[in-house]
Amino acid sequence: MWLAIASRRRNSAIAQKLLAKIDLKLDYIGWLGKRENRECVYQFVAPNDQRDSIFRQWFNLDEAFQNELVSVSNNIKYNYTSH
């Protein structure tokens, strides 16, 4: 994943560029605060591409695998012999 960021870029532009690499983004909402101390407000836009169901499946598979590892390792009996 290659990403070039110019030093003069705003933090929000850098965040947008990073998020774009994984098909996510922030939407500009508006300004917050008085003129002397204003801040831009952005809102996270959740993707509508079913990736949450894929991640949930990966998580469930990983959890099942971890439970299987624990089950197997609890049933191993070690036979220590001294020579």
C-alpha atoms as a PDB file:
ATOM      1  CA  MET A   1       0.000   0.000   0.000  1.00  0.00           C
ATOM      2  CA  TRP A   2       1.752   3.127  -1.218  1.00  0.00           C
ATOM      3  CA  LEU A   3       0.744   6.503   0.208  1.00  0.00           C
ATOM      4  CA  ALA A   4       2.385   9.840  -0.523  1.00  0.00           C
ATOM      5  CA  ILE A   5       1.492  12.700   1.807  1.00  0.00           C
ATOM      6  CA  ALA A   6       2.709  16.254   1.301  1.00  0.00           C
ATOM      7  CA  SER A   7       3.804  18.000   4.496  1.00  0.00           C
ATOM      8  CA  ARG A   8       1.486  20.931   3.799  1.00  0.00           C
ATOM      9  CA  ARG A   9      -1.659  18.735   3.852  1.00  0.00           C
ATOM     10  CA  ARG A  10      -4.255  19.210   6.590  1.00  0.00           C
ATOM     11  CA  ASN A  11      -4.829  16.408   9.095  1.00  0.00           C
ATOM     12  CA  SER A  12      -8.293  15.800   7.678  1.00  0.00           C
ATOM     13  CA  ALA A  13      -6.872  15.362   4.164  1.00  0.00           C
ATOM     14  CA  ILE A  14      -4.348  12.851   5.490  1.00  0.00           C
ATOM     15  CA  ALA A  15      -7.097  10.946   7.317  1.00  0.00           C
ATOM     16  CA  GLN A  16      -9.248  10.930   4.168  1.00  0.00           C
ATOM     17  CA  LYS A  17      -6.352   9.589   2.120  1.00  0.00           C
ATOM     18  CA  LEU A  18      -5.650   6.784   4.605  1.00  0.00           C
ATOM     19  CA  LEU A  19      -9.311   5.830   4.884  1.00  0.00           C
ATOM     20  CA  ALA A  20      -9.695   5.792   1.108  1.00  0.00           C
ATOM     21  CA  LYS A  21      -7.141   2.958   0.976  1.00  0.00           C
ATOM     22  CA  ILE A  22      -9.692   0.723   2.688  1.00  0.00           C
ATOM     23  CA  ASP A  23     -12.732   2.216   0.943  1.00  0.00           C
ATOM     24  CA  LEU A  24     -13.877   4.316   3.904  1.00  0.00           C
ATOM     25  CA  LYS A  25     -14.393   8.057   4.216  1.00  0.00           C
ATOM     26  CA  LEU A  26     -15.356  11.003   6.371  1.00  0.00           C
ATOM     27  CA  ASP A  27     -18.110  13.397   5.305  1.00  0.00           C
ATOM     28  CA  TYR A  28     -17.739  17.097   5.998  1.00  0.00           C
ATOM     29  CA  ILE A  29     -20.525  18.249   8.356  1.00  0.00           C
ATOM     30  CA  GLY A  30     -19.621  21.882   9.022  1.00  0.00           C
ATOM     31  CA  TRP A  31     -17.861  24.224  11.409  1.00  0.00           C
ATOM     32  CA  LEU A  32     -17.931  24.130  15.196  1.00  0.00           C
ATOM     33  CA  GLY A  33     -17.011  27.032  17.451  1.00  0.00           C
ATOM     34  CA  LYS A  34     -16.517  30.757  17.103  1.00  0.00           C
ATOM     35  CA  ARG A  35     -14.612  32.408  14.291  1.00  0.00           C
ATOM     36  CA  GLU A  36     -11.377  32.713  16.331  1.00  0.00           C
ATOM     37  CA  ASN A  37     -11.349  29.067  17.331  1.00  0.00           C
ATOM     38  CA  ARG A  38     -13.210  27.137  14.630  1.00  0.00           C
ATOM     39  CA  GLU A  39     -12.871  23.462  13.945  1.00  0.00           C
ATOM     40  CA  CYS A  40     -14.097  21.436  10.996  1.00  0.00           C
ATOM     41  CA  VAL A  41     -16.472  18.633  11.886  1.00  0.00           C
ATOM     42  CA  TYR A  42     -16.455  15.357   9.967  1.00  0.00           C
ATOM     43  CA  GLN A  43     -18.597  12.263  10.366  1.00  0.00           C
ATOM     44  CA  PHE A  44     -17.548   8.694   9.677  1.00  0.00           C
ATOM     45  CA  VAL A  45     -19.495   7.114   6.821  1.00  0.00           C
ATOM     46  CA  ALA A  46     -20.096   3.438   7.424  1.00  0.00           C
ATOM     47  CA  PRO A  47     -19.649   1.368   4.274  1.00  0.00           C
ATOM     48  CA  ASN A  48     -22.673  -0.324   2.787  1.00  0.00           C
ATOM     49  CA  ASP A  49     -20.888  -3.267   1.222  1.00  0.00           C
ATOM     50  CA  GLN A  50     -21.608  -6.114   3.659  1.00  0.00           C
ATOM     51  CA  ARG A  51     -18.010  -6.193   4.908  1.00  0.00           C
ATOM     52  CA  ASP A  52     -19.299  -6.425   8.477  1.00  0.00           C
ATOM     53  CA  SER A  53     -20.805  -9.850   7.742  1.00  0.00           C
ATOM     54  CA  ILE A  54     -17.481 -11.014   6.276  1.00  0.00           C
ATOM     55  CA  PHE A  55     -15.567  -9.791   9.324  1.00  0.00           C
ATOM     56  CA  ARG A  56     -18.136 -11.465  11.603  1.00  0.00           C
ATOM     57  CA  GLN A  57     -17.599 -14.775   9.772  1.00  0.00           C
ATOM     58  CA  TRP A  58     -13.811 -14.419  10.087  1.00  0.00           C
ATOM     59  CA  PHE A  59     -14.179 -13.624  13.770  1.00  0.00           C
ATOM     60  CA  ASN A  60     -16.437 -16.638  14.362  1.00  0.00           C
ATOM     61  CA  LEU A  61     -14.020 -18.943  12.517  1.00  0.00           C
ATOM     62  CA  ASP A  62     -11.088 -17.569  14.486  1.00  0.00           C
ATOM     63  CA  GLU A  63     -12.960 -17.930  17.759  1.00  0.00           C
ATOM     64  CA  ALA A  64     -13.887 -21.547  16.934  1.00  0.00           C
ATOM     65  CA  PHE A  65     -10.250 -22.275  16.026  1.00  0.00           C
ATOM     66  CA  GLN A  66      -9.006 -20.744  19.294  1.00  0.00           C
ATOM     67  CA  ASN A  67     -11.535 -22.786  21.291  1.00  0.00           C
ATOM     68  CA  GLU A  68     -10.378 -25.942  19.509  1.00  0.00           C
ATOM     69  CA  LEU A  69      -6.743 -25.147  20.353  1.00  0.00           C
ATOM     70  CA  VAL A  70      -7.609 -24.697  24.016  1.00  0.00           C
ATOM     71  CA  SER A  71      -9.596 -27.945  24.013  1.00  0.00           C
ATOM     72  CA  VAL A  72      -6.729 -29.907  22.451  1.00  0.00           C
ATOM     73  CA  SER A  73      -4.034 -28.399  24.654  1.00  0.00           C
ATOM     74  CA  ASN A  74      -6.073 -29.159  27.812  1.00  0.00           C
ATOM     75  CA  ASN A  75      -6.190 -32.854  26.848  1.00  0.00           C
ATOM     76  CA  ILE A  76      -2.454 -33.274  26.252  1.00  0.00           C
ATOM     77  CA  LYS A  77      -0.740 -35.204  29.006  1.00  0.00           C
ATOM     78  CA  TYR A  78       2.941 -34.619  29.426  1.00  0.00           C
ATOM     79  CA  ASN A  79       5.133 -37.514  30.454  1.00  0.00           C
ATOM     80  CA  TYR A  80       8.265 -36.207  32.076  1.00  0.00           C
ATOM     81  CA  THR A  81      10.941 -38.794  32.801  1.00  0.00           C
ATOM     82  CA  SER A  82      14.204 -38.128  34.486  1.00  0.00           C
ATOM     83  CA  HIS A  83      17.371 -39.735  33.151  1.00  0.00           C
END
